[in-house]
């Protein structure tokens, strides 16, 4: 009997591992750090590759000027820092999002949701309504355009070409929310790549409520928590 259990050996991802003829050492960046001295500006403990010291002063000044010279970006930064300081480890992400909305003074919230998470979205908008916040929701299949129209072959469709299969349309989601003059847009479960397009085209500031992971109950970090266990999907990469 053939098992349907996932095997990493058959994965296209694993087929690409180790194919490069030359392997150069990765550049040392923040993922190589073991001290995180930048949290307290403990300069004596900065590693030699620390980006705090290696990043050009010009680039640092350019970034900092966004906080001081752009009213919206400066306020977002201050409000976010305040919520972190007051509620760290005491609020869920949903609660933090509601608090952020209130402190920023946002009135109309745009939601770009996967149609597969409409039940979760319906609960969230009830919470928004209870806080007397206006909202507008656009599902990912808006427009009902067949995937064939953008060049997706039948072999890469879920239904394998047995009928109409609507594409996800994050650009239309973004443009629809812009047309409804939303103050803040929230992503709920858009696919990898579709979320990228939405963020690129969003006219309003954007945050993420739910990151889609159909295998792990929309909790993608679990794959990293289990990465060194017997349940790992990344044994070859981490060997």
Protein backbone atom coordinates (compact mmCIF):
# COMPACT_ATOMS: atom_id res chain seq x y z
CA UNK A 1 0.00 0.00 0.00
CA UNK A 2 1.42 3.36 -0.98
CA UNK A 3 1.57 5.89 1.86
CA UNK A 4 0.27 9.41 1.24
CA UNK A 5 2.50 10.76 3.99
CA UNK A 6 4.62 13.75 3.01
CA UNK A 7 8.23 12.85 2.24
CA UNK A 8 10.90 15.48 1.87
CA UNK A 9 12.83 13.45 -0.70
CA UNK A 10 10.08 14.00 -3.28
CA UNK A 11 9.90 17.72 -2.67
CA UNK A 12 11.02 20.05 -5.51
CA UNK A 13 12.57 22.20 -2.79
CA UNK A 14 14.90 19.41 -1.71
CA UNK A 15 15.76 18.58 -5.31
CA UNK A 16 17.47 21.97 -5.50
CA UNK A 17 19.64 21.46 -2.43
CA UNK A 18 23.35 21.09 -3.01
CA UNK A 19 23.19 21.64 -6.77
CA UNK A 20 25.49 24.67 -6.77
CA UNK A 21 29.04 23.71 -7.90
CA UNK A 22 30.62 26.25 -5.55
CA UNK A 23 29.48 27.18 -2.08
CA UNK A 24 30.78 30.42 -0.63
CA UNK A 25 30.56 31.27 3.04
CA UNK A 26 27.50 33.40 3.86
CA UNK A 27 28.04 37.02 4.77
CA UNK A 28 27.84 37.65 8.51
CA UNK A 29 24.68 39.55 9.39
CA UNK A 30 22.32 39.89 12.35
CA UNK A 31 21.37 36.19 12.12
CA UNK A 32 25.00 35.41 13.06
CA UNK A 33 24.82 37.46 16.28
CA UNK A 34 24.79 35.85 19.71
CA UNK A 35 24.86 38.92 21.95
CA UNK A 36 22.22 41.37 20.61
CA UNK A 37 24.10 44.23 22.23
CA UNK A 38 22.24 46.72 20.02
CA UNK A 39 19.22 46.38 22.34
CA UNK A 40 21.01 48.46 24.94
CA UNK A 41 23.68 50.16 22.78
CA UNK A 42 26.36 48.19 24.64
CA UNK A 43 29.11 49.15 22.22
CA UNK A 44 31.85 47.15 23.97
CA UNK A 45 29.97 43.95 23.14
CA UNK A 46 29.25 44.65 19.48
CA UNK A 47 30.64 41.81 17.32
CA UNK A 48 33.08 42.85 14.61
CA UNK A 49 30.43 42.34 11.92
CA UNK A 50 27.73 44.30 13.79
CA UNK A 51 25.51 46.16 11.34
CA UNK A 52 25.07 49.00 13.81
CA UNK A 53 28.70 49.93 13.25
CA UNK A 54 29.07 48.69 9.67
CA UNK A 55 26.05 50.51 8.22
CA UNK A 56 27.05 53.87 6.77
CA UNK A 57 26.19 56.95 8.74
CA UNK A 58 24.50 58.37 5.66
CA UNK A 59 22.13 55.41 5.45
CA UNK A 60 21.40 55.56 9.18
CA UNK A 61 20.62 59.26 8.95
CA UNK A 62 18.39 58.70 5.94
CA UNK A 63 16.37 56.08 7.80
CA UNK A 64 16.15 58.14 11.00
CA UNK A 65 14.94 61.18 9.08
CA UNK A 66 11.85 59.17 8.10
CA UNK A 67 10.84 58.99 11.77
CA UNK A 68 11.51 62.66 12.44
CA UNK A 69 10.58 64.17 9.10
CA UNK A 70 7.50 62.14 8.13
CA UNK A 71 4.58 62.74 10.48
CA UNK A 72 2.76 59.50 9.71
CA UNK A 73 5.82 57.25 9.90
CA UNK A 74 7.02 58.90 13.09
CA UNK A 75 3.63 58.48 14.74
CA UNK A 76 3.33 54.83 13.69
CA UNK A 77 6.76 54.20 15.19
CA UNK A 78 5.95 55.93 18.50
CA UNK A 79 2.52 54.33 18.88
CA UNK A 80 3.91 50.85 18.12
CA UNK A 81 6.72 51.33 20.64
CA UNK A 82 4.23 52.46 23.26
CA UNK A 83 2.01 49.42 22.78
CA UNK A 84 5.06 47.15 22.96
CA UNK A 85 6.23 48.78 26.19
CA UNK A 86 2.84 48.73 27.90
CA UNK A 87 1.45 45.38 26.80
CA UNK A 88 4.43 43.14 25.90
CA UNK A 89 3.39 39.53 26.48
CA UNK A 90 -0.06 40.57 27.76
CA UNK A 91 -2.01 41.21 24.57
CA UNK A 92 -2.76 38.92 21.66
CA UNK A 93 -2.04 40.21 18.17
CA UNK A 94 -5.75 40.86 17.63
CA UNK A 95 -5.86 42.98 20.79
CA UNK A 96 -2.68 44.82 19.85
CA UNK A 97 -4.13 45.57 16.42
CA UNK A 98 -7.30 47.06 17.94
CA UNK A 99 -5.19 49.14 20.33
CA UNK A 100 -3.02 50.34 17.46
CA UNK A 101 -6.08 51.34 15.44
CA UNK A 102 -7.49 53.38 18.32
CA UNK A 103 -4.22 55.11 19.18
CA UNK A 104 -3.60 56.00 15.55
CA UNK A 105 -7.10 57.39 15.22
CA UNK A 106 -7.98 55.20 12.25
CA UNK A 107 -11.69 55.11 11.46
CA UNK A 108 -12.08 52.86 8.40
CA UNK A 109 -10.28 49.54 8.24
CA UNK A 110 -9.67 47.65 5.02
CA UNK A 111 -9.39 43.88 5.14
CA UNK A 112 -7.90 41.80 2.34
CA UNK A 113 -8.82 38.24 3.18
CA UNK A 114 -8.42 34.80 1.72
CA UNK A 115 -11.89 33.41 1.00
CA UNK A 116 -10.79 30.29 2.87
CA UNK A 117 -10.60 32.36 6.07
CA UNK A 118 -13.90 34.20 5.77
CA UNK A 119 -15.17 32.62 9.00
CA UNK A 120 -12.22 34.11 10.89
CA UNK A 121 -12.73 37.41 9.10
CA UNK A 122 -16.41 37.49 10.11
CA UNK A 123 -15.39 37.14 13.76
CA UNK A 124 -12.81 39.89 13.44
CA UNK A 125 -15.21 42.38 11.86
CA UNK A 126 -17.65 41.77 14.73
CA UNK A 127 -14.87 42.84 17.06
CA UNK A 128 -14.22 45.93 14.92
CA UNK A 129 -17.94 46.78 14.97
CA UNK A 130 -18.03 46.42 18.76
CA UNK A 131 -15.31 49.08 18.86
CA UNK A 132 -17.43 51.29 16.58
CA UNK A 133 -14.95 51.00 13.73
CA UNK A 134 -16.00 51.03 10.09
CA UNK A 135 -14.57 48.36 7.80
CA UNK A 136 -14.58 47.12 4.20
CA UNK A 137 -13.69 43.53 3.30
CA UNK A 138 -12.46 42.26 -0.09
CA UNK A 139 -11.97 38.52 -0.68
CA UNK A 140 -9.08 37.19 -2.73
CA UNK A 141 -11.23 35.79 -5.56
CA UNK A 142 -12.80 39.18 -6.35
CA UNK A 143 -13.19 39.65 -10.11
CA UNK A 144 -13.59 35.89 -10.70
CA UNK A 145 -10.83 35.84 -13.34
CA UNK A 146 -9.76 32.38 -14.42
CA UNK A 147 -6.14 31.49 -13.72
CA UNK A 148 -5.74 30.59 -17.39
CA UNK A 149 -6.12 34.27 -18.26
CA UNK A 150 -2.78 35.07 -16.59
CA UNK A 151 -1.01 32.05 -18.04
CA UNK A 152 -1.36 29.44 -15.29
CA UNK A 153 -1.37 25.98 -16.96
CA UNK A 154 -4.03 23.42 -16.06
CA UNK A 155 -1.36 21.24 -14.47
CA UNK A 156 -0.82 23.91 -11.81
CA UNK A 157 -4.47 24.44 -10.94
CA UNK A 158 -6.14 22.80 -7.98
CA UNK A 159 -8.84 21.37 -10.24
CA UNK A 160 -6.30 20.45 -12.95
CA UNK A 161 -8.37 22.28 -15.57
CA UNK A 162 -11.67 20.52 -14.98
CA UNK A 163 -13.52 23.85 -14.89
CA UNK A 164 -13.24 27.54 -14.06
CA UNK A 165 -10.76 28.25 -11.26
CA UNK A 166 -10.54 31.87 -10.16
CA UNK A 167 -7.15 33.42 -9.56
CA UNK A 168 -6.33 35.26 -6.37
CA UNK A 169 -6.46 38.97 -7.18
CA UNK A 170 -4.46 40.89 -4.55
CA UNK A 171 -3.92 43.91 -6.81
CA UNK A 172 -7.67 44.35 -7.22
CA UNK A 173 -8.07 43.87 -3.48
CA UNK A 174 -5.60 46.72 -2.88
CA UNK A 175 -7.19 48.98 -5.47
CA UNK A 176 -10.69 48.28 -4.14
CA UNK A 177 -9.64 49.26 -0.61
CA UNK A 178 -7.98 52.39 -1.97
CA UNK A 179 -11.24 53.29 -3.73
CA UNK A 180 -13.04 52.96 -0.40
CA UNK A 181 -10.52 55.27 1.31
CA UNK A 182 -9.39 52.92 4.07
CA UNK A 183 -7.05 54.28 6.76
CA UNK A 184 -5.33 50.97 7.54
CA UNK A 185 -5.32 47.69 5.63
CA UNK A 186 -5.12 44.30 7.31
CA UNK A 187 -4.11 41.04 5.62
CA UNK A 188 -5.88 37.85 6.62
CA UNK A 189 -4.38 34.70 5.16
CA UNK A 190 -3.26 35.76 1.69
CA UNK A 191 -1.00 33.26 -0.09
CA UNK A 192 2.76 33.71 -0.22
CA UNK A 193 3.39 36.05 -3.14
CA UNK A 194 -0.17 37.32 -3.25
CA UNK A 195 0.52 39.11 0.03
CA UNK A 196 3.62 40.56 -1.62
CA UNK A 197 1.57 42.03 -4.45
CA UNK A 198 -1.04 43.43 -2.08
CA UNK A 199 1.57 45.19 0.06
CA UNK A 200 3.25 46.57 -3.05
CA UNK A 201 -0.01 48.07 -4.33
CA UNK A 202 -1.62 49.10 -1.04
CA UNK A 203 -2.18 52.85 -0.77
CA UNK A 204 -2.76 52.70 2.99
CA UNK A 205 -0.39 51.46 5.72
CA UNK A 206 -0.66 47.67 5.99
CA UNK A 207 -0.31 45.12 8.77
CA UNK A 208 -0.82 41.36 8.92
CA UNK A 209 -3.36 39.60 11.12
CA UNK A 210 -3.02 36.01 9.90
CA UNK A 211 -0.20 34.42 7.88
CA UNK A 212 -1.43 31.46 5.86
CA UNK A 213 -0.02 28.00 6.51
CA UNK A 214 -2.47 25.32 5.45
CA UNK A 215 -0.40 22.54 7.04
CA UNK A 216 0.25 24.11 10.44
CA UNK A 217 -3.06 25.80 11.22
CA UNK A 218 -1.77 29.19 10.02
CA UNK A 219 1.09 29.08 12.50
CA UNK A 220 4.16 29.03 10.20
CA UNK A 221 6.69 29.50 12.99
CA UNK A 222 5.89 25.97 14.13
CA UNK A 223 7.96 24.68 11.19
CA UNK A 224 10.97 26.45 12.71
CA UNK A 225 10.22 25.27 16.25
CA UNK A 226 10.25 21.70 14.94
CA UNK A 227 13.11 22.18 12.50
CA UNK A 228 15.62 20.21 14.60
CA UNK A 229 13.14 17.56 15.73
CA UNK A 230 12.09 14.27 14.21
CA UNK A 231 9.15 16.09 12.62
CA UNK A 232 11.38 18.48 10.68
CA UNK A 233 10.64 19.30 7.04
CA UNK A 234 14.16 20.71 6.68
CA UNK A 235 16.47 17.84 7.61
CA UNK A 236 18.56 18.11 4.44
CA UNK A 237 18.88 21.88 4.63
CA UNK A 238 19.98 21.77 8.26
CA UNK A 239 22.21 18.68 8.06
